[in-house]
């Protein structure tokens, strides 16, 4: 296990290969500092496994006895930390009004580092929204939960882009948005207008994002 500390936040990485843990702990520390997580969490644990099909990540917040701040645990497989792999990099057939999706580039150490930074910043910003109650999952109707999650992913990475922090690029988010929502219906131009507003910050609060989601195809 690799460990570090960032302004009162204990940071550790489990089940990583030699050398990988140190780099991920460093990136986690930088992300926690940039997103000002120290006042909200007391510990961040990243758990990485070797399952080849594991191309998504998830998080958990747990209270810790004797501490005022909870523990944040992030789980993922190696695919989300590697360039050119995972759900976000899936190629899709472009619509007539879309630019073609560029095929993933060959993996390099630098590209893998960028992919790791994008994933970790995205997950920590999501955790920040949960901890600050900007995002209240209990208020999202179950029938809209999957579509809302896809929309909120766009909101998160648009915010990261405006902050100048690592995150998934606009093109990658457009590809995922198309792949997910076109499975339910044909995406029309006004659907892409919603996407752009989500990315640009025109739709930023949970209530207004939820109102926009009601206009999108349900997954």
Protein backbone atom coordinates (compact mmCIF):
# COMPACT_ATOMS: atom_id res chain seq x y z
CA UNK A 1 0.00 0.00 0.00
CA UNK A 2 1.25 3.46 -0.93
CA UNK A 3 0.45 6.32 1.45
CA UNK A 4 0.71 10.08 1.64
CA UNK A 5 -0.95 13.05 3.33
CA UNK A 6 -2.33 16.24 1.83
CA UNK A 7 -3.22 19.02 4.27
CA UNK A 8 -4.80 16.75 6.84
CA UNK A 9 -6.16 14.17 4.38
CA UNK A 10 -4.62 10.69 4.62
CA UNK A 11 -4.27 9.24 1.11
CA UNK A 12 -3.52 5.61 0.25
CA UNK A 13 -3.63 3.30 -2.75
CA UNK A 14 -4.25 -0.44 -2.58
CA UNK A 15 -3.66 -3.34 -4.99
CA UNK A 16 -1.56 -1.38 -7.48
CA UNK A 17 1.49 -2.66 -9.31
CA UNK A 18 5.03 -1.53 -8.44
CA UNK A 19 5.49 2.19 -8.98
CA UNK A 20 1.87 2.82 -9.99
CA UNK A 21 0.66 3.46 -6.46
CA UNK A 22 3.13 6.26 -5.80
CA UNK A 23 2.02 8.14 -8.91
CA UNK A 24 -1.69 7.69 -8.18
CA UNK A 25 -1.24 8.89 -4.60
CA UNK A 26 0.51 11.98 -5.96
CA UNK A 27 -2.33 12.69 -8.40
CA UNK A 28 -4.93 12.12 -5.69
CA UNK A 29 -3.13 14.60 -3.45
CA UNK A 30 -3.06 17.22 -6.18
CA UNK A 31 -6.74 16.68 -6.98
CA UNK A 32 -7.77 16.83 -3.31
CA UNK A 33 -5.87 20.10 -2.93
CA UNK A 34 -7.29 21.66 -6.10
CA UNK A 35 -10.85 20.70 -5.18
CA UNK A 36 -10.45 21.74 -1.53
CA UNK A 37 -11.52 18.36 -0.15
CA UNK A 38 -9.56 18.64 3.10
CA UNK A 39 -12.44 20.29 4.92
CA UNK A 40 -14.83 17.53 3.84
CA UNK A 41 -12.92 14.21 4.04
CA UNK A 42 -10.27 12.94 6.42
CA UNK A 43 -9.06 10.00 4.33
CA UNK A 44 -9.06 8.97 0.67
CA UNK A 45 -8.44 5.34 -0.30
CA UNK A 46 -8.07 4.23 -3.93
CA UNK A 47 -8.60 0.52 -4.61
CA UNK A 48 -7.50 -0.71 -8.04
CA UNK A 49 -8.06 -4.28 -9.23
CA UNK A 50 -6.86 -6.25 -12.22
CA UNK A 51 -10.20 -7.33 -13.67
CA UNK A 52 -9.87 -6.70 -17.43
CA UNK A 53 -13.60 -6.04 -17.94
CA UNK A 54 -13.82 -3.51 -15.12
CA UNK A 55 -14.08 -0.26 -17.09
CA UNK A 56 -16.02 1.86 -14.62
CA UNK A 57 -15.41 3.33 -11.19
CA UNK A 58 -17.53 4.03 -8.15
CA UNK A 59 -17.11 5.61 -4.74
CA UNK A 60 -18.24 5.16 -1.15
CA UNK A 61 -18.37 7.56 1.79
CA UNK A 62 -18.10 6.06 5.28
CA UNK A 63 -18.14 7.72 8.71
CA UNK A 64 -15.06 6.91 10.79
CA UNK A 65 -15.36 6.53 14.57
CA UNK A 66 -13.64 9.37 16.38
CA UNK A 67 -13.28 11.51 13.27
CA UNK A 68 -15.37 14.46 12.15
CA UNK A 69 -14.68 13.84 8.47
CA UNK A 70 -15.62 10.65 6.60
CA UNK A 71 -13.46 8.26 4.60
CA UNK A 72 -13.81 8.40 0.82
CA UNK A 73 -13.04 5.12 -0.95
CA UNK A 74 -12.69 5.01 -4.74
CA UNK A 75 -12.89 1.70 -6.58
CA UNK A 76 -11.86 1.02 -10.18
CA UNK A 77 -10.18 -1.40 -12.51
CA UNK A 78 -6.98 -0.66 -14.39
CA UNK A 79 -8.90 0.09 -17.59
CA UNK A 80 -10.16 3.46 -16.37
CA UNK A 81 -6.58 4.46 -15.59
CA UNK A 82 -5.34 3.63 -19.09
CA UNK A 83 -5.60 5.64 -22.28
CA UNK A 84 -7.69 4.11 -25.06
CA UNK A 85 -9.62 1.77 -22.77
CA UNK A 86 -12.85 1.83 -20.85
CA UNK A 87 -16.40 2.89 -21.57
CA UNK A 88 -15.58 6.54 -22.19
CA UNK A 89 -13.29 5.71 -25.12
CA UNK A 90 -15.84 3.53 -26.92
CA UNK A 91 -16.22 4.50 -30.57
CA UNK A 92 -19.71 5.31 -31.86
CA UNK A 93 -21.22 6.00 -35.25
CA UNK A 94 -21.48 9.80 -35.59
CA UNK A 95 -24.74 11.51 -36.46
CA UNK A 96 -24.91 13.81 -39.46
CA UNK A 97 -24.40 16.92 -37.33
CA UNK A 98 -21.51 15.48 -35.33
CA UNK A 99 -17.81 15.45 -36.00
CA UNK A 100 -16.44 11.91 -36.43
CA UNK A 101 -15.22 10.24 -33.27
CA UNK A 102 -11.46 9.84 -33.33
CA UNK A 103 -10.18 6.35 -32.62
CA UNK A 104 -8.20 5.91 -29.37
CA UNK A 105 -4.49 6.53 -29.75
CA UNK A 106 -1.82 4.02 -28.85
CA UNK A 107 -1.08 3.78 -25.15
CA UNK A 108 1.87 5.68 -23.75
CA UNK A 109 2.97 6.43 -20.20
CA UNK A 110 2.02 10.09 -20.62
CA UNK A 111 -1.42 9.22 -21.99
CA UNK A 112 -2.04 6.76 -19.17
CA UNK A 113 -1.08 9.44 -16.63
CA UNK A 114 -3.53 11.86 -18.26
CA UNK A 115 -6.30 9.24 -18.18
CA UNK A 116 -5.63 8.55 -14.50
CA UNK A 117 -5.73 12.26 -13.68
CA UNK A 118 -9.03 12.70 -15.57
CA UNK A 119 -10.69 9.80 -13.76
CA UNK A 120 -9.48 10.80 -10.30
CA UNK A 121 -10.41 14.48 -10.64
CA UNK A 122 -13.84 13.51 -11.98
CA UNK A 123 -14.49 11.15 -9.07
CA UNK A 124 -13.26 13.60 -6.43
CA UNK A 125 -15.43 16.39 -7.84
CA UNK A 126 -18.41 14.02 -7.71
CA UNK A 127 -17.56 13.26 -4.07
CA UNK A 128 -17.31 17.00 -3.37
CA UNK A 129 -20.82 17.51 -4.81
CA UNK A 130 -22.19 14.75 -2.58
CA UNK A 131 -20.44 16.03 0.53
CA UNK A 132 -21.55 19.63 -0.01
CA UNK A 133 -25.10 18.50 -0.93
CA UNK A 134 -24.90 20.09 -4.33
CA UNK A 135 -25.97 16.65 -5.49
CA UNK A 136 -28.80 14.85 -3.63
CA UNK A 137 -29.31 11.38 -5.16
CA UNK A 138 -32.41 10.73 -3.02
CA UNK A 139 -34.21 13.52 -4.89
CA UNK A 140 -33.68 11.93 -8.33
CA UNK A 141 -36.57 9.74 -9.54
CA UNK A 142 -35.44 6.16 -10.05
CA UNK A 143 -36.76 6.14 -13.63
CA UNK A 144 -34.45 9.04 -14.50
CA UNK A 145 -31.41 7.99 -12.48
CA UNK A 146 -29.30 6.58 -15.34
CA UNK A 147 -30.00 9.46 -17.69
CA UNK A 148 -29.36 11.98 -14.93
CA UNK A 149 -26.03 10.30 -14.11
CA UNK A 150 -24.95 10.62 -17.76
CA UNK A 151 -25.92 14.30 -17.72
CA UNK A 152 -24.17 15.01 -14.42
CA UNK A 153 -20.99 13.43 -15.78
CA UNK A 154 -21.04 16.11 -18.49
CA UNK A 155 -21.61 18.81 -15.85
CA UNK A 156 -18.63 17.57 -13.82
CA UNK A 157 -16.15 17.51 -16.69
CA UNK A 158 -17.36 20.86 -18.01
CA UNK A 159 -16.65 22.37 -14.59
CA UNK A 160 -13.22 20.75 -14.47
CA UNK A 161 -12.45 22.18 -17.92
CA UNK A 162 -13.45 25.69 -16.82
CA UNK A 163 -11.30 25.33 -13.71
CA UNK A 164 -8.33 24.30 -15.84
CA UNK A 165 -8.14 20.91 -14.09
CA UNK A 166 -7.76 17.43 -15.60
CA UNK A 167 -11.00 15.79 -16.71
CA UNK A 168 -12.50 13.96 -19.64
CA UNK A 169 -12.44 16.01 -22.83
CA UNK A 170 -15.52 17.42 -24.54
CA UNK A 171 -15.09 14.98 -27.44
CA UNK A 172 -14.97 11.99 -25.10
CA UNK A 173 -18.09 13.13 -23.25
CA UNK A 174 -19.93 13.70 -26.54
CA UNK A 175 -19.04 10.17 -27.62
CA UNK A 176 -20.32 8.66 -24.39
CA UNK A 177 -23.47 10.81 -24.45
CA UNK A 178 -24.19 9.62 -27.99
CA UNK A 179 -23.43 5.97 -27.24
CA UNK A 180 -25.62 5.87 -24.15
CA UNK A 181 -28.63 7.93 -25.19
CA UNK A 182 -28.88 6.86 -28.82
CA UNK A 183 -29.52 3.33 -27.53
CA UNK A 184 -32.88 4.63 -26.26
CA UNK A 185 -33.88 6.93 -29.13
CA UNK A 186 -32.61 9.05 -31.99
CA UNK A 187 -30.76 12.05 -30.63
CA UNK A 188 -32.10 15.27 -32.11
CA UNK A 189 -30.40 18.69 -32.40
CA UNK A 190 -32.16 20.00 -29.27
CA UNK A 191 -30.70 17.08 -27.32
CA UNK A 192 -27.24 18.28 -28.34
CA UNK A 193 -28.16 21.80 -27.28
CA UNK A 194 -28.87 20.37 -23.83
CA UNK A 195 -25.52 18.59 -23.88
CA UNK A 196 -23.70 21.83 -24.70
CA UNK A 197 -25.51 23.71 -21.93
CA UNK A 198 -24.54 20.98 -19.46
CA UNK A 199 -20.90 21.28 -20.54
CA UNK A 200 -20.80 25.09 -20.62
CA UNK A 201 -22.41 25.52 -17.20
CA UNK A 202 -25.70 26.93 -18.45
CA UNK A 203 -27.35 23.99 -16.67
CA UNK A 204 -25.51 23.54 -13.39
CA UNK A 205 -27.89 22.94 -10.46
CA UNK A 206 -29.53 19.61 -9.77
CA UNK A 207 -33.08 20.91 -10.28
CA UNK A 208 -32.37 22.46 -13.67
CA UNK A 209 -30.31 19.50 -14.82
CA UNK A 210 -33.15 17.20 -13.80
CA UNK A 211 -35.61 19.35 -15.76
CA UNK A 212 -33.38 19.05 -18.84
CA UNK A 213 -32.99 15.30 -18.33
CA UNK A 214 -36.76 14.92 -18.63
CA UNK A 215 -36.37 16.05 -22.25
CA UNK A 216 -33.71 13.42 -23.03
CA UNK A 217 -34.32 9.77 -23.95
CA UNK A 218 -34.52 7.49 -20.91
CA UNK A 219 -31.92 4.77 -20.69
